[in-house]
mmCIF file of all heavy atoms, coordinates in Angstrom:
data_MODEL
# 
_entry.id   MODEL 
# 
loop_
_atom_site.group_PDB 
_atom_site.id 
_atom_site.type_symbol 
_atom_site.label_atom_id 
_atom_site.label_alt_id 
_atom_site.label_comp_id 
_atom_site.label_asym_id 
_atom_site.label_entity_id 
_atom_site.label_seq_id 
_atom_site.pdbx_PDB_ins_code 
_atom_site.Cartn_x 
_atom_site.Cartn_y 
_atom_site.Cartn_z 
_atom_site.occupancy 
_atom_site.B_iso_or_equiv 
_atom_site.pdbx_formal_charge 
_atom_site.auth_seq_id 
_atom_site.auth_comp_id 
_atom_site.auth_asym_id 
_atom_site.auth_atom_id 
_atom_site.pdbx_PDB_model_num 
ATOM 1   N N   . LYS A 1 1  ? 4.432  -5.866 8.105  1.00 0.00 ? 1  LYS A N   1 
ATOM 2   C CA  . LYS A 1 1  ? 3.964  -5.049 6.989  1.00 0.00 ? 1  LYS A CA  1 
ATOM 3   C C   . LYS A 1 1  ? 4.988  -3.995 6.552  1.00 0.00 ? 1  LYS A C   1 
ATOM 4   O O   . LYS A 1 1  ? 4.832  -3.401 5.484  1.00 0.00 ? 1  LYS A O   1 
ATOM 5   C CB  . LYS A 1 1  ? 2.656  -4.352 7.363  1.00 0.00 ? 1  LYS A CB  1 
ATOM 6   C CG  . LYS A 1 1  ? 1.507  -5.307 7.679  1.00 0.00 ? 1  LYS A CG  1 
ATOM 7   C CD  . LYS A 1 1  ? 0.265  -4.538 8.093  1.00 0.00 ? 1  LYS A CD  1 
ATOM 8   C CE  . LYS A 1 1  ? -0.880 -5.485 8.425  1.00 0.00 ? 1  LYS A CE  1 
ATOM 9   N NZ  . LYS A 1 1  ? -2.094 -4.742 8.868  1.00 0.00 ? 1  LYS A NZ  1 
ATOM 10  N N   . LEU A 1 2  ? 5.999  -3.754 7.384  1.00 0.00 ? 2  LEU A N   1 
ATOM 11  C CA  . LEU A 1 2  ? 6.882  -2.620 7.138  1.00 0.00 ? 2  LEU A CA  1 
ATOM 12  C C   . LEU A 1 2  ? 7.774  -2.776 5.909  1.00 0.00 ? 2  LEU A C   1 
ATOM 13  O O   . LEU A 1 2  ? 7.871  -1.838 5.091  1.00 0.00 ? 2  LEU A O   1 
ATOM 14  C CB  . LEU A 1 2  ? 7.728  -2.346 8.383  1.00 0.00 ? 2  LEU A CB  1 
ATOM 15  C CG  . LEU A 1 2  ? 8.626  -1.107 8.349  1.00 0.00 ? 2  LEU A CG  1 
ATOM 16  C CD1 . LEU A 1 2  ? 7.817  0.157  8.064  1.00 0.00 ? 2  LEU A CD1 1 
ATOM 17  C CD2 . LEU A 1 2  ? 9.384  -0.971 9.674  1.00 0.00 ? 2  LEU A CD2 1 
ATOM 18  N N   . PRO A 1 3  ? 8.468  -3.908 5.695  1.00 0.00 ? 3  PRO A N   1 
ATOM 19  C CA  . PRO A 1 3  ? 9.320  -3.997 4.504  1.00 0.00 ? 3  PRO A CA  1 
ATOM 20  C C   . PRO A 1 3  ? 8.578  -3.803 3.185  1.00 0.00 ? 3  PRO A C   1 
ATOM 21  O O   . PRO A 1 3  ? 9.097  -3.171 2.270  1.00 0.00 ? 3  PRO A O   1 
ATOM 22  C CB  . PRO A 1 3  ? 9.925  -5.401 4.612  1.00 0.00 ? 3  PRO A CB  1 
ATOM 23  C CG  . PRO A 1 3  ? 9.997  -5.639 6.088  1.00 0.00 ? 3  PRO A CG  1 
ATOM 24  C CD  . PRO A 1 3  ? 8.723  -5.042 6.611  1.00 0.00 ? 3  PRO A CD  1 
ATOM 25  N N   . ARG A 1 4  ? 7.364  -4.344 3.075  1.00 0.00 ? 4  ARG A N   1 
ATOM 26  C CA  . ARG A 1 4  ? 6.606  -4.124 1.835  1.00 0.00 ? 4  ARG A CA  1 
ATOM 27  C C   . ARG A 1 4  ? 6.312  -2.637 1.652  1.00 0.00 ? 4  ARG A C   1 
ATOM 28  O O   . ARG A 1 4  ? 6.385  -2.117 0.535  1.00 0.00 ? 4  ARG A O   1 
ATOM 29  C CB  . ARG A 1 4  ? 5.301  -4.922 1.843  1.00 0.00 ? 4  ARG A CB  1 
ATOM 30  C CG  . ARG A 1 4  ? 4.490  -4.758 0.562  1.00 0.00 ? 4  ARG A CG  1 
ATOM 31  C CD  . ARG A 1 4  ? 3.194  -5.532 0.625  1.00 0.00 ? 4  ARG A CD  1 
ATOM 32  N NE  . ARG A 1 4  ? 3.387  -6.967 0.541  1.00 0.00 ? 4  ARG A NE  1 
ATOM 33  C CZ  . ARG A 1 4  ? 3.428  -7.653 -0.608 1.00 0.00 ? 4  ARG A CZ  1 
ATOM 34  N NH1 . ARG A 1 4  ? 3.312  -7.016 -1.766 1.00 0.00 ? 4  ARG A NH1 1 
ATOM 35  N NH2 . ARG A 1 4  ? 3.591  -8.954 -0.592 1.00 0.00 ? 4  ARG A NH2 1 
ATOM 36  N N   . ARG A 1 5  ? 5.967  -1.961 2.736  1.00 0.00 ? 5  ARG A N   1 
ATOM 37  C CA  . ARG A 1 5  ? 5.671  -0.536 2.637  1.00 0.00 ? 5  ARG A CA  1 
ATOM 38  C C   . ARG A 1 5  ? 6.918  0.264  2.250  1.00 0.00 ? 5  ARG A C   1 
ATOM 39  O O   . ARG A 1 5  ? 6.854  1.204  1.462  1.00 0.00 ? 5  ARG A O   1 
ATOM 40  C CB  . ARG A 1 5  ? 5.114  -0.031 3.967  1.00 0.00 ? 5  ARG A CB  1 
ATOM 41  C CG  . ARG A 1 5  ? 4.479  1.343  3.875  1.00 0.00 ? 5  ARG A CG  1 
ATOM 42  C CD  . ARG A 1 5  ? 3.836  1.751  5.172  1.00 0.00 ? 5  ARG A CD  1 
ATOM 43  N NE  . ARG A 1 5  ? 3.199  3.058  5.045  1.00 0.00 ? 5  ARG A NE  1 
ATOM 44  C CZ  . ARG A 1 5  ? 2.801  3.801  6.061  1.00 0.00 ? 5  ARG A CZ  1 
ATOM 45  N NH1 . ARG A 1 5  ? 2.947  3.351  7.309  1.00 0.00 ? 5  ARG A NH1 1 
ATOM 46  N NH2 . ARG A 1 5  ? 2.241  4.982  5.855  1.00 0.00 ? 5  ARG A NH2 1 
ATOM 47  N N   . LEU A 1 6  ? 8.063  -0.109 2.796  1.00 0.00 ? 6  LEU A N   1 
ATOM 48  C CA  . LEU A 1 6  ? 9.305  0.589  2.475  1.00 0.00 ? 6  LEU A CA  1 
ATOM 49  C C   . LEU A 1 6  ? 9.735  0.327  1.033  1.00 0.00 ? 6  LEU A C   1 
ATOM 50  O O   . LEU A 1 6  ? 10.285 1.209  0.368  1.00 0.00 ? 6  LEU A O   1 
ATOM 51  C CB  . LEU A 1 6  ? 10.416 0.154  3.433  1.00 0.00 ? 6  LEU A CB  1 
ATOM 52  C CG  . LEU A 1 6  ? 10.250 0.599  4.888  1.00 0.00 ? 6  LEU A CG  1 
ATOM 53  C CD1 . LEU A 1 6  ? 11.227 -0.140 5.777  1.00 0.00 ? 6  LEU A CD1 1 
ATOM 54  C CD2 . LEU A 1 6  ? 10.445 2.106  5.010  1.00 0.00 ? 6  LEU A CD2 1 
ATOM 55  N N   . ALA A 1 7  ? 9.511  -0.889 0.547  1.00 0.00 ? 7  ALA A N   1 
ATOM 56  C CA  . ALA A 1 7  ? 9.894  -1.234 -0.825 1.00 0.00 ? 7  ALA A CA  1 
ATOM 57  C C   . ALA A 1 7  ? 8.957  -0.620 -1.850 1.00 0.00 ? 7  ALA A C   1 
ATOM 58  O O   . ALA A 1 7  ? 9.311  -0.481 -3.026 1.00 0.00 ? 7  ALA A O   1 
ATOM 59  C CB  . ALA A 1 7  ? 9.916  -2.753 -0.992 1.00 0.00 ? 7  ALA A CB  1 
ATOM 60  N N   . SER A 1 8  ? 7.748  -0.244 -1.411 1.00 0.00 ? 8  SER A N   1 
ATOM 61  C CA  . SER A 1 8  ? 6.784  0.420  -2.284 1.00 0.00 ? 8  SER A CA  1 
ATOM 62  C C   . SER A 1 8  ? 7.139  1.890  -2.421 1.00 0.00 ? 8  SER A C   1 
ATOM 63  O O   . SER A 1 8  ? 7.374  2.573  -1.425 1.00 0.00 ? 8  SER A O   1 
ATOM 64  C CB  . SER A 1 8  ? 5.374  0.284  -1.697 1.00 0.00 ? 8  SER A CB  1 
ATOM 65  O OG  . SER A 1 8  ? 4.499  1.246  -2.223 1.00 0.00 ? 8  SER A OG  1 
ATOM 66  N N   . LYS A 1 9  ? 7.167  2.405  -3.638 1.00 0.00 ? 9  LYS A N   1 
ATOM 67  C CA  . LYS A 1 9  ? 7.462  3.825  -3.827 1.00 0.00 ? 9  LYS A CA  1 
ATOM 68  C C   . LYS A 1 9  ? 6.398  4.699  -3.160 1.00 0.00 ? 9  LYS A C   1 
ATOM 69  O O   . LYS A 1 9  ? 6.720  5.734  -2.560 1.00 0.00 ? 9  LYS A O   1 
ATOM 70  C CB  . LYS A 1 9  ? 7.551  4.158  -5.318 1.00 0.00 ? 9  LYS A CB  1 
ATOM 71  C CG  . LYS A 1 9  ? 8.551  3.327  -6.101 1.00 0.00 ? 9  LYS A CG  1 
ATOM 72  C CD  . LYS A 1 9  ? 9.948  3.398  -5.511 1.00 0.00 ? 9  LYS A CD  1 
ATOM 73  C CE  . LYS A 1 9  ? 10.919 2.566  -6.337 1.00 0.00 ? 9  LYS A CE  1 
ATOM 74  N NZ  . LYS A 1 9  ? 12.252 2.473  -5.710 1.00 0.00 ? 9  LYS A NZ  1 
ATOM 75  N N   . GLN A 1 10 ? 5.143  4.278  -3.243 1.00 0.00 ? 10 GLN A N   1 
ATOM 76  C CA  . GLN A 1 10 ? 4.081  5.055  -2.609 1.00 0.00 ? 10 GLN A CA  1 
ATOM 77  C C   . GLN A 1 10 ? 4.163  4.937  -1.093 1.00 0.00 ? 10 GLN A C   1 
ATOM 78  O O   . GLN A 1 10 ? 4.043  5.939  -0.372 1.00 0.00 ? 10 GLN A O   1 
ATOM 79  C CB  . GLN A 1 10 ? 2.709  4.585  -3.086 1.00 0.00 ? 10 GLN A CB  1 
ATOM 80  C CG  . GLN A 1 10 ? 1.570  5.399  -2.486 1.00 0.00 ? 10 GLN A CG  1 
ATOM 81  C CD  . GLN A 1 10 ? 0.235  5.140  -3.167 1.00 0.00 ? 10 GLN A CD  1 
ATOM 82  O OE1 . GLN A 1 10 ? 0.166  4.475  -4.194 1.00 0.00 ? 10 GLN A OE1 1 
ATOM 83  N NE2 . GLN A 1 10 ? -0.834 5.676  -2.610 1.00 0.00 ? 10 GLN A NE2 1 
ATOM 84  N N   . GLY A 1 11 ? 4.387  3.724  -0.596 1.00 0.00 ? 11 GLY A N   1 
ATOM 85  C CA  . GLY A 1 11 ? 4.498  3.533  0.843  1.00 0.00 ? 11 GLY A CA  1 
ATOM 86  C C   . GLY A 1 11 ? 5.645  4.318  1.434  1.00 0.00 ? 11 GLY A C   1 
ATOM 87  O O   . GLY A 1 11 ? 5.514  4.930  2.509  1.00 0.00 ? 11 GLY A O   1 
ATOM 88  N N   . LEU A 1 12 ? 6.787  4.329  0.743  1.00 0.00 ? 12 LEU A N   1 
ATOM 89  C CA  . LEU A 1 12 ? 7.944  5.074  1.223  1.00 0.00 ? 12 LEU A CA  1 
ATOM 90  C C   . LEU A 1 12 ? 7.654  6.565  1.234  1.00 0.00 ? 12 LEU A C   1 
ATOM 91  O O   . LEU A 1 12 ? 7.992  7.275  2.197  1.00 0.00 ? 12 LEU A O   1 
ATOM 92  C CB  . LEU A 1 12 ? 9.161  4.777  0.351  1.00 0.00 ? 12 LEU A CB  1 
ATOM 93  C CG  . LEU A 1 12 ? 10.431 5.558  0.695  1.00 0.00 ? 12 LEU A CG  1 
ATOM 94  C CD1 . LEU A 1 12 ? 10.882 5.279  2.120  1.00 0.00 ? 12 LEU A CD1 1 
ATOM 95  C CD2 . LEU A 1 12 ? 11.551 5.230  -0.297 1.00 0.00 ? 12 LEU A CD2 1 
ATOM 96  N N   . HIS A 1 13 ? 7.032  7.064  0.179  1.00 0.00 ? 13 HIS A N   1 
ATOM 97  C CA  . HIS A 1 13 ? 6.714  8.490  0.119  1.00 0.00 ? 13 HIS A CA  1 
ATOM 98  C C   . HIS A 1 13 ? 5.791  8.887  1.276  1.00 0.00 ? 13 HIS A C   1 
ATOM 99  O O   . HIS A 1 13 ? 5.994  9.928  1.915  1.00 0.00 ? 13 HIS A O   1 
ATOM 100 C CB  . HIS A 1 13 ? 6.050  8.825  -1.217 1.00 0.00 ? 13 HIS A CB  1 
ATOM 101 C CG  . HIS A 1 13 ? 5.648  10.261 -1.354 1.00 0.00 ? 13 HIS A CG  1 
ATOM 102 N ND1 . HIS A 1 13 ? 6.556  11.269 -1.570 1.00 0.00 ? 13 HIS A ND1 1 
ATOM 103 C CD2 . HIS A 1 13 ? 4.425  10.859 -1.286 1.00 0.00 ? 13 HIS A CD2 1 
ATOM 104 C CE1 . HIS A 1 13 ? 5.926  12.428 -1.631 1.00 0.00 ? 13 HIS A CE1 1 
ATOM 105 N NE2 . HIS A 1 13 ? 4.641  12.204 -1.475 1.00 0.00 ? 13 HIS A NE2 1 
ATOM 106 N N   . GLU A 1 14 ? 4.812  8.055  1.560  1.00 0.00 ? 14 GLU A N   1 
ATOM 107 C CA  . GLU A 1 14 ? 3.888  8.361  2.656  1.00 0.00 ? 14 GLU A CA  1 
ATOM 108 C C   . GLU A 1 14 ? 4.611  8.364  4.000  1.00 0.00 ? 14 GLU A C   1 
ATOM 109 O O   . GLU A 1 14 ? 4.331  9.206  4.867  1.00 0.00 ? 14 GLU A O   1 
ATOM 110 C CB  . GLU A 1 14 ? 2.754  7.340  2.656  1.00 0.00 ? 14 GLU A CB  1 
ATOM 111 C CG  . GLU A 1 14 ? 1.816  7.484  1.456  1.00 0.00 ? 14 GLU A CG  1 
ATOM 112 C CD  . GLU A 1 14 ? 0.858  6.326  1.305  1.00 0.00 ? 14 GLU A CD  1 
ATOM 113 O OE1 . GLU A 1 14 ? 1.061  5.315  2.031  1.00 0.00 ? 14 GLU A OE1 1 
ATOM 114 O OE2 . GLU A 1 14 ? -0.055 6.389  0.469  1.00 0.00 ? 14 GLU A OE2 1 
ATOM 115 N N   . LEU A 1 15 ? 5.542  7.439  4.205  1.00 0.00 ? 15 LEU A N   1 
ATOM 116 C CA  . LEU A 1 15 ? 6.314  7.409  5.445  1.00 0.00 ? 15 LEU A CA  1 
ATOM 117 C C   . LEU A 1 15 ? 7.205  8.647  5.562  1.00 0.00 ? 15 LEU A C   1 
ATOM 118 O O   . LEU A 1 15 ? 7.370  9.194  6.660  1.00 0.00 ? 15 LEU A O   1 
ATOM 119 C CB  . LEU A 1 15 ? 7.163  6.142  5.504  1.00 0.00 ? 15 LEU A CB  1 
ATOM 120 C CG  . LEU A 1 15 ? 6.426  4.858  5.900  1.00 0.00 ? 15 LEU A CG  1 
ATOM 121 C CD1 . LEU A 1 15 ? 7.311  3.640  5.652  1.00 0.00 ? 15 LEU A CD1 1 
ATOM 122 C CD2 . LEU A 1 15 ? 5.992  4.913  7.359  1.00 0.00 ? 15 LEU A CD2 1 
ATOM 123 N N   . CYS A 1 16 ? 7.783  9.067  4.442  1.00 0.00 ? 16 CYS A N   1 
ATOM 124 C CA  . CYS A 1 16 ? 8.616  10.269 4.458  1.00 0.00 ? 16 CYS A CA  1 
ATOM 125 C C   . CYS A 1 16 ? 7.788  11.496 4.871  1.00 0.00 ? 16 CYS A C   1 
ATOM 126 O O   . CYS A 1 16 ? 8.225  12.307 5.690  1.00 0.00 ? 16 CYS A O   1 
ATOM 127 C CB  . CYS A 1 16 ? 9.247  10.498 3.087  1.00 0.00 ? 16 CYS A CB  1 
ATOM 128 S SG  . CYS A 1 16 ? 10.587 9.352  2.672  1.00 0.00 ? 16 CYS A SG  1 
ATOM 129 N N   . VAL A 1 17 ? 6.597  11.623 4.297  1.00 0.00 ? 17 VAL A N   1 
ATOM 130 C CA  . VAL A 1 17 ? 5.723  12.745 4.651  1.00 0.00 ? 17 VAL A CA  1 
ATOM 131 C C   . VAL A 1 17 ? 5.346  12.678 6.121  1.00 0.00 ? 17 VAL A C   1 
ATOM 132 O O   . VAL A 1 17 ? 5.375  13.683 6.849  1.00 0.00 ? 17 VAL A O   1 
ATOM 133 C CB  . VAL A 1 17 ? 4.466  12.741 3.759  1.00 0.00 ? 17 VAL A CB  1 
ATOM 134 C CG1 . VAL A 1 17 ? 3.461  13.783 4.245  1.00 0.00 ? 17 VAL A CG1 1 
ATOM 135 C CG2 . VAL A 1 17 ? 4.838  13.006 2.302  1.00 0.00 ? 17 VAL A CG2 1 
ATOM 136 N N   . GLU A 1 18 ? 5.024  11.481 6.587  1.00 0.00 ? 18 GLU A N   1 
ATOM 137 C CA  . GLU A 1 18 ? 4.597  11.288 7.974  1.00 0.00 ? 18 GLU A CA  1 
ATOM 138 C C   . GLU A 1 18 ? 5.682  11.662 8.973  1.00 0.00 ? 18 GLU A C   1 
ATOM 139 O O   . GLU A 1 18 ? 5.393  12.207 10.043 1.00 0.00 ? 18 GLU A O   1 
ATOM 140 C CB  . GLU A 1 18 ? 4.187  9.825  8.165  1.00 0.00 ? 18 GLU A CB  1 
ATOM 141 C CG  . GLU A 1 18 ? 3.691  9.489  9.556  1.00 0.00 ? 18 GLU A CG  1 
ATOM 142 C CD  . GLU A 1 18 ? 3.313  8.023  9.668  1.00 0.00 ? 18 GLU A CD  1 
ATOM 143 O OE1 . GLU A 1 18 ? 3.082  7.376  8.620  1.00 0.00 ? 18 GLU A OE1 1 
ATOM 144 O OE2 . GLU A 1 18 ? 3.257  7.515  10.814 1.00 0.00 ? 18 GLU A OE2 1 
ATOM 145 N N   . HIS A 1 19 ? 6.953  11.389 8.616  1.00 0.00 ? 19 HIS A N   1 
ATOM 146 C CA  . HIS A 1 19 ? 8.052  11.586 9.573  1.00 0.00 ? 19 HIS A CA  1 
ATOM 147 C C   . HIS A 1 19 ? 8.966  12.761 9.217  1.00 0.00 ? 19 HIS A C   1 
ATOM 148 O O   . HIS A 1 19 ? 10.031 12.904 9.808  1.00 0.00 ? 19 HIS A O   1 
ATOM 149 C CB  . HIS A 1 19 ? 8.870  10.304 9.683  1.00 0.00 ? 19 HIS A CB  1 
ATOM 150 C CG  . HIS A 1 19 ? 8.092  9.158  10.267 1.00 0.00 ? 19 HIS A CG  1 
ATOM 151 N ND1 . HIS A 1 19 ? 7.790  9.080  11.607 1.00 0.00 ? 19 HIS A ND1 1 
ATOM 152 C CD2 . HIS A 1 19 ? 7.539  8.063  9.679  1.00 0.00 ? 19 HIS A CD2 1 
ATOM 153 C CE1 . HIS A 1 19 ? 7.088  7.969  11.833 1.00 0.00 ? 19 HIS A CE1 1 
ATOM 154 N NE2 . HIS A 1 19 ? 6.920  7.343  10.686 1.00 0.00 ? 19 HIS A NE2 1 
ATOM 155 N N   . GLY A 1 20 ? 8.548  13.581 8.270  1.00 0.00 ? 20 GLY A N   1 
ATOM 156 C CA  . GLY A 1 20 ? 9.305  14.782 7.960  1.00 0.00 ? 20 GLY A CA  1 
ATOM 157 C C   . GLY A 1 20 ? 10.621 14.543 7.266  1.00 0.00 ? 20 GLY A C   1 
ATOM 158 O O   . GLY A 1 20 ? 11.565 15.311 7.430  1.00 0.00 ? 20 GLY A O   1 
ATOM 159 N N   . ILE A 1 21 ? 10.698 13.489 6.458  1.00 0.00 ? 21 ILE A N   1 
ATOM 160 C CA  . ILE A 1 21 ? 11.903 13.192 5.686  1.00 0.00 ? 21 ILE A CA  1 
ATOM 161 C C   . ILE A 1 21 ? 11.720 13.755 4.275  1.00 0.00 ? 21 ILE A C   1 
ATOM 162 O O   . ILE A 1 21 ? 10.704 13.488 3.621  1.00 0.00 ? 21 ILE A O   1 
ATOM 163 C CB  . ILE A 1 21 ? 12.164 11.678 5.616  1.00 0.00 ? 21 ILE A CB  1 
ATOM 164 C CG1 . ILE A 1 21 ? 12.329 11.107 7.031  1.00 0.00 ? 21 ILE A CG1 1 
ATOM 165 C CG2 . ILE A 1 21 ? 13.392 11.373 4.766  1.00 0.00 ? 21 ILE A CG2 1 
ATOM 166 C CD1 . ILE A 1 21 ? 13.503 11.646 7.800  1.00 0.00 ? 21 ILE A CD1 1 
ATOM 167 N N   . ALA A 1 22 ? 12.694 14.514 3.808  1.00 0.00 ? 22 ALA A N   1 
ATOM 168 C CA  . ALA A 1 22 ? 12.581 15.119 2.475  1.00 0.00 ? 22 ALA A CA  1 
ATOM 169 C C   . ALA A 1 22 ? 12.587 14.036 1.402  1.00 0.00 ? 22 ALA A C   1 
ATOM 170 O O   . ALA A 1 22 ? 13.356 13.071 1.471  1.00 0.00 ? 22 ALA A O   1 
ATOM 171 C CB  . ALA A 1 22 ? 13.732 16.092 2.248  1.00 0.00 ? 22 ALA A CB  1 
ATOM 172 N N   . SER A 1 23 ? 11.733 14.213 0.407  1.00 0.00 ? 23 SER A N   1 
ATOM 173 C CA  . SER A 1 23 ? 11.684 13.309 -0.738 1.00 0.00 ? 23 SER A CA  1 
ATOM 174 C C   . SER A 1 23 ? 11.138 14.088 -1.927 1.00 0.00 ? 23 SER A C   1 
ATOM 175 O O   . SER A 1 23 ? 10.499 15.127 -1.754 1.00 0.00 ? 23 SER A O   1 
ATOM 176 C CB  . SER A 1 23 ? 10.798 12.089 -0.450 1.00 0.00 ? 23 SER A CB  1 
ATOM 177 O OG  . SER A 1 23 ? 9.460  12.474 -0.248 1.00 0.00 ? 23 SER A OG  1 
ATOM 178 N N   . PRO A 1 24 ? 11.374 13.619 -3.151 1.00 0.00 ? 24 PRO A N   1 
ATOM 179 C CA  . PRO A 1 24 ? 10.859 14.345 -4.308 1.00 0.00 ? 24 PRO A CA  1 
ATOM 180 C C   . PRO A 1 24 ? 9.335  14.404 -4.305 1.00 0.00 ? 24 PRO A C   1 
ATOM 181 O O   . PRO A 1 24 ? 8.661  13.476 -3.840 1.00 0.00 ? 24 PRO A O   1 
ATOM 182 C CB  . PRO A 1 24 ? 11.373 13.515 -5.496 1.00 0.00 ? 24 PRO A CB  1 
ATOM 183 C CG  . PRO A 1 24 ? 12.536 12.745 -4.967 1.00 0.00 ? 24 PRO A CG  1 
ATOM 184 C CD  . PRO A 1 24 ? 12.203 12.453 -3.540 1.00 0.00 ? 24 PRO A CD  1 
ATOM 185 N N   . THR A 1 25 ? 8.786  15.492 -4.808 1.00 0.00 ? 25 THR A N   1 
ATOM 186 C CA  . THR A 1 25 ? 7.342  15.618 -4.974 1.00 0.00 ? 25 THR A CA  1 
ATOM 187 C C   . THR A 1 25 ? 6.853  14.487 -5.882 1.00 0.00 ? 25 THR A C   1 
ATOM 188 O O   . THR A 1 25 ? 7.429  14.244 -6.948 1.00 0.00 ? 25 THR A O   1 
ATOM 189 C CB  . THR A 1 25 ? 6.986  16.981 -5.578 1.00 0.00 ? 25 THR A CB  1 
ATOM 190 O OG1 . THR A 1 25 ? 7.503  18.010 -4.728 1.00 0.00 ? 25 THR A OG1 1 
ATOM 191 C CG2 . THR A 1 25 ? 5.487  17.134 -5.721 1.00 0.00 ? 25 THR A CG2 1 
# 
């Protein structure tokens, strides 16, 4: 399931929030 989540803009944003990675609001 991970590549689809990473390729998704929403999935990537959620992962960034979860792991403390800076990303645009």
